[in-house]
Amino acid sequence: MVVVWKDIITRADWVGDREAVINEMYPMPCVTVGWLLLNTDEFIIVVDSASKDRDYGGVSVIPKAVVVRIEELKKATPHSYLSGL
């Protein structure tokens, strides 16, 4: 599956006045690819690796409030899912 979501962004340096902050700071579109391990009302858990002994790696817990869309995996690059965002 492919999960397109928006991440929080912060900067520790000085950005500028109010207009500069408004023009430069916005949530960052991201894409996560993997298998859906759990789907709750509040969040999903996606894993990108699994071992033969049933251990998981590359675990991402993504709040549903930041999810833009969830799609079936297609033959495309990860960045192709971010076009238009």
N, C-alpha and C. Protein backbone atom coordinates (compact mmCIF):
# COMPACT_ATOMS: atom_id res chain seq x y z
N MET A 1 0.82 -1.17 0.00
CA MET A 1 0.00 0.00 0.00
C MET A 1 0.87 1.24 0.00
N VAL A 2 0.29 2.32 -0.44
CA VAL A 2 0.96 3.61 -0.47
C VAL A 2 0.13 4.57 0.38
N VAL A 3 0.77 5.20 1.36
CA VAL A 3 0.09 6.18 2.20
C VAL A 3 0.70 7.55 1.91
N VAL A 4 -0.12 8.48 1.47
CA VAL A 4 0.30 9.86 1.26
C VAL A 4 -0.20 10.64 2.45
N TRP A 5 0.72 11.38 3.10
CA TRP A 5 0.37 12.09 4.32
C TRP A 5 1.17 13.37 4.44
N LYS A 6 0.76 14.24 5.34
CA LYS A 6 1.47 15.51 5.53
C LYS A 6 2.11 15.53 6.90
N ASP A 7 3.40 15.83 6.91
CA ASP A 7 4.20 15.82 8.14
C ASP A 7 4.32 17.22 8.72
N ILE A 8 4.50 17.26 10.01
CA ILE A 8 4.79 18.53 10.70
C ILE A 8 6.18 18.98 10.28
N ILE A 9 6.35 20.28 10.12
CA ILE A 9 7.66 20.82 9.79
C ILE A 9 7.98 21.92 10.80
N THR A 10 9.23 21.94 11.25
CA THR A 10 9.68 22.98 12.17
C THR A 10 11.04 23.49 11.71
N ARG A 11 11.35 24.70 12.15
CA ARG A 11 12.67 25.27 11.88
C ARG A 11 13.15 25.95 13.14
N ALA A 12 14.40 25.72 13.47
CA ALA A 12 14.98 26.33 14.67
C ALA A 12 15.62 27.69 14.36
N ASP A 13 15.87 27.97 13.08
CA ASP A 13 16.50 29.23 12.72
C ASP A 13 15.44 30.33 12.58
N TRP A 14 15.89 31.55 12.44
CA TRP A 14 14.97 32.67 12.24
C TRP A 14 14.44 32.63 10.82
N VAL A 15 13.12 32.67 10.66
CA VAL A 15 12.49 32.59 9.35
C VAL A 15 12.25 33.98 8.78
N GLY A 16 11.78 34.89 9.61
CA GLY A 16 11.48 36.25 9.15
C GLY A 16 10.19 36.74 9.79
N ASP A 17 9.59 37.73 9.15
CA ASP A 17 8.37 38.30 9.69
C ASP A 17 7.18 37.37 9.44
N ARG A 18 6.02 37.83 9.85
CA ARG A 18 4.80 37.03 9.75
C ARG A 18 4.56 36.54 8.32
N GLU A 19 4.70 37.41 7.35
CA GLU A 19 4.48 37.04 5.94
C GLU A 19 5.47 35.99 5.48
N ALA A 20 6.72 36.10 5.89
CA ALA A 20 7.73 35.11 5.52
C ALA A 20 7.38 33.74 6.09
N VAL A 21 6.96 33.73 7.35
CA VAL A 21 6.57 32.45 7.97
C VAL A 21 5.39 31.84 7.22
N ILE A 22 4.37 32.65 6.94
CA ILE A 22 3.18 32.15 6.25
C ILE A 22 3.54 31.64 4.85
N ASN A 23 4.43 32.31 4.15
CA ASN A 23 4.80 31.93 2.79
C ASN A 23 5.77 30.75 2.72
N GLU A 24 6.56 30.52 3.78
CA GLU A 24 7.60 29.50 3.72
C GLU A 24 7.30 28.24 4.52
N MET A 25 6.41 28.30 5.48
CA MET A 25 6.19 27.16 6.37
C MET A 25 4.83 26.52 6.10
N TYR A 26 4.85 25.25 5.76
CA TYR A 26 3.62 24.51 5.51
C TYR A 26 3.92 23.03 5.69
N PRO A 27 2.92 22.21 5.99
CA PRO A 27 3.16 20.78 6.16
C PRO A 27 3.82 20.17 4.92
N MET A 28 4.73 19.24 5.15
CA MET A 28 5.49 18.61 4.08
C MET A 28 4.80 17.34 3.60
N PRO A 29 4.41 17.27 2.32
CA PRO A 29 3.83 16.03 1.80
C PRO A 29 4.87 14.90 1.83
N CYS A 30 4.44 13.73 2.28
CA CYS A 30 5.31 12.55 2.38
C CYS A 30 4.57 11.34 1.82
N VAL A 31 5.34 10.30 1.53
CA VAL A 31 4.75 9.04 1.08
C VAL A 31 5.45 7.90 1.82
N THR A 32 4.65 6.96 2.30
CA THR A 32 5.16 5.77 2.97
C THR A 32 4.62 4.57 2.22
N VAL A 33 5.50 3.61 1.94
CA VAL A 33 5.12 2.41 1.20
C VAL A 33 5.35 1.20 2.09
N GLY A 34 4.39 0.30 2.14
CA GLY A 34 4.56 -0.91 2.93
C GLY A 34 3.28 -1.70 3.05
N TRP A 35 3.24 -2.54 4.07
CA TRP A 35 2.08 -3.37 4.33
C TRP A 35 1.33 -2.83 5.52
N LEU A 36 0.01 -2.84 5.43
CA LEU A 36 -0.84 -2.38 6.52
C LEU A 36 -0.88 -3.45 7.60
N LEU A 37 -0.41 -3.10 8.80
CA LEU A 37 -0.40 -4.04 9.92
C LEU A 37 -1.62 -3.84 10.81
N LEU A 38 -2.06 -2.58 10.98
CA LEU A 38 -3.20 -2.28 11.82
C LEU A 38 -3.88 -1.01 11.31
N ASN A 39 -5.21 -1.02 11.34
CA ASN A 39 -6.00 0.13 10.91
C ASN A 39 -7.03 0.42 12.00
N THR A 40 -6.85 1.52 12.74
CA THR A 40 -7.79 1.91 13.80
C THR A 40 -8.49 3.19 13.39
N ASP A 41 -9.40 3.66 14.23
CA ASP A 41 -10.07 4.93 13.96
C ASP A 41 -9.11 6.11 14.04
N GLU A 42 -8.03 5.98 14.84
CA GLU A 42 -7.10 7.10 15.06
C GLU A 42 -5.83 7.05 14.24
N PHE A 43 -5.34 5.86 13.91
CA PHE A 43 -4.05 5.74 13.24
C PHE A 43 -3.97 4.44 12.46
N ILE A 44 -2.93 4.38 11.59
CA ILE A 44 -2.60 3.14 10.90
C ILE A 44 -1.16 2.79 11.22
N ILE A 45 -0.85 1.51 11.16
CA ILE A 45 0.53 1.06 11.30
C ILE A 45 0.93 0.38 10.00
N VAL A 46 2.01 0.88 9.41
CA VAL A 46 2.53 0.36 8.15
C VAL A 46 3.95 -0.14 8.41
N VAL A 47 4.27 -1.31 7.87
CA VAL A 47 5.62 -1.86 7.99
C VAL A 47 6.21 -2.03 6.60
N ASP A 48 7.52 -1.79 6.47
CA ASP A 48 8.13 -1.96 5.15
C ASP A 48 8.99 -3.21 5.04
N SER A 49 9.16 -3.93 6.16
CA SER A 49 9.97 -5.15 6.13
C SER A 49 9.39 -6.18 7.11
N ALA A 50 9.54 -7.46 6.73
CA ALA A 50 9.13 -8.55 7.61
C ALA A 50 10.12 -9.69 7.44
N SER A 51 10.43 -10.37 8.55
CA SER A 51 11.36 -11.50 8.49
C SER A 51 10.60 -12.82 8.54
N LYS A 52 11.29 -13.88 8.22
CA LYS A 52 10.68 -15.21 8.20
C LYS A 52 10.16 -15.59 9.58
N ASP A 53 10.83 -15.11 10.65
CA ASP A 53 10.38 -15.44 12.00
C ASP A 53 9.31 -14.48 12.52
N ARG A 54 8.70 -13.74 11.61
CA ARG A 54 7.55 -12.87 11.87
C ARG A 54 7.88 -11.62 12.68
N ASP A 55 9.11 -11.16 12.61
CA ASP A 55 9.46 -9.86 13.17
C ASP A 55 9.23 -8.81 12.08
N TYR A 56 8.95 -7.59 12.51
CA TYR A 56 8.71 -6.49 11.58
C TYR A 56 9.75 -5.39 11.75
N GLY A 57 10.06 -4.73 10.67
CA GLY A 57 10.98 -3.59 10.69
C GLY A 57 10.40 -2.46 9.85
N GLY A 58 10.99 -1.28 10.00
CA GLY A 58 10.51 -0.13 9.25
C GLY A 58 9.06 0.19 9.60
N VAL A 59 8.78 0.26 10.88
CA VAL A 59 7.41 0.46 11.36
C VAL A 59 7.08 1.96 11.40
N SER A 60 5.97 2.35 10.77
CA SER A 60 5.49 3.74 10.81
C SER A 60 4.08 3.75 11.38
N VAL A 61 3.88 4.57 12.40
CA VAL A 61 2.54 4.79 12.96
C VAL A 61 2.12 6.18 12.49
N ILE A 62 1.07 6.24 11.69
CA ILE A 62 0.65 7.50 11.06
C ILE A 62 -0.75 7.86 11.55
N PRO A 63 -0.90 9.02 12.20
CA PRO A 63 -2.23 9.45 12.62
C PRO A 63 -3.13 9.67 11.40
N LYS A 64 -4.36 9.23 11.47
CA LYS A 64 -5.28 9.39 10.33
C LYS A 64 -5.57 10.86 10.04
N ALA A 65 -5.40 11.73 11.03
CA ALA A 65 -5.67 13.15 10.81
C ALA A 65 -4.74 13.77 9.78
N VAL A 66 -3.56 13.16 9.55
CA VAL A 66 -2.61 13.71 8.58
C VAL A 66 -2.60 12.95 7.26
N VAL A 67 -3.38 11.89 7.16
CA VAL A 67 -3.42 11.08 5.94
C VAL A 67 -4.22 11.80 4.86
N VAL A 68 -3.61 11.95 3.70
CA VAL A 68 -4.27 12.55 2.55
C VAL A 68 -5.04 11.48 1.77
N ARG A 69 -4.36 10.34 1.52
CA ARG A 69 -5.02 9.24 0.83
C ARG A 69 -4.20 7.96 1.01
N ILE A 70 -4.88 6.84 0.80
CA ILE A 70 -4.26 5.51 0.83
C ILE A 70 -4.59 4.85 -0.49
N GLU A 71 -3.56 4.29 -1.15
CA GLU A 71 -3.75 3.66 -2.45
C GLU A 71 -3.10 2.29 -2.47
N GLU A 72 -3.55 1.48 -3.39
CA GLU A 72 -2.86 0.22 -3.66
C GLU A 72 -1.56 0.55 -4.37
N LEU A 73 -0.54 -0.23 -4.14
CA LEU A 73 0.76 0.01 -4.75
C LEU A 73 0.69 -0.24 -6.26
N LYS A 74 1.22 0.72 -7.01
CA LYS A 74 1.29 0.61 -8.46
C LYS A 74 2.76 0.63 -8.86
N LYS A 75 3.06 0.32 -10.10
CA LYS A 75 4.43 0.41 -10.58
C LYS A 75 4.76 1.86 -10.84
N ALA A 76 5.33 2.52 -9.84
CA ALA A 76 5.68 3.93 -9.95
C ALA A 76 6.72 4.25 -8.90
N THR A 77 7.36 5.38 -9.04
CA THR A 77 8.33 5.81 -8.04
C THR A 77 7.59 6.42 -6.85
N PRO A 78 8.18 6.42 -5.66
CA PRO A 78 7.51 7.04 -4.51
C PRO A 78 7.14 8.50 -4.77
N HIS A 79 8.00 9.23 -5.47
CA HIS A 79 7.73 10.66 -5.70
C HIS A 79 6.55 10.88 -6.65
N SER A 80 6.22 9.91 -7.48
CA SER A 80 5.10 10.08 -8.38
C SER A 80 3.78 10.22 -7.61
N TYR A 81 3.72 9.69 -6.40
CA TYR A 81 2.51 9.81 -5.59
C TYR A 81 2.37 11.21 -4.99
N LEU A 82 3.43 12.00 -5.01
CA LEU A 82 3.41 13.32 -4.41
C LEU A 82 3.11 14.42 -5.42
N SER A 83 2.97 14.07 -6.68
CA SER A 83 2.69 15.10 -7.68
C SER A 83 1.33 15.73 -7.39
N GLY A 84 1.27 17.03 -7.55
CA GLY A 84 0.05 17.76 -7.32
C GLY A 84 -0.17 18.19 -5.87
N LEU A 85 0.73 17.85 -4.98
CA LEU A 85 0.60 18.26 -3.57
C LEU A 85 1.53 19.41 -3.26
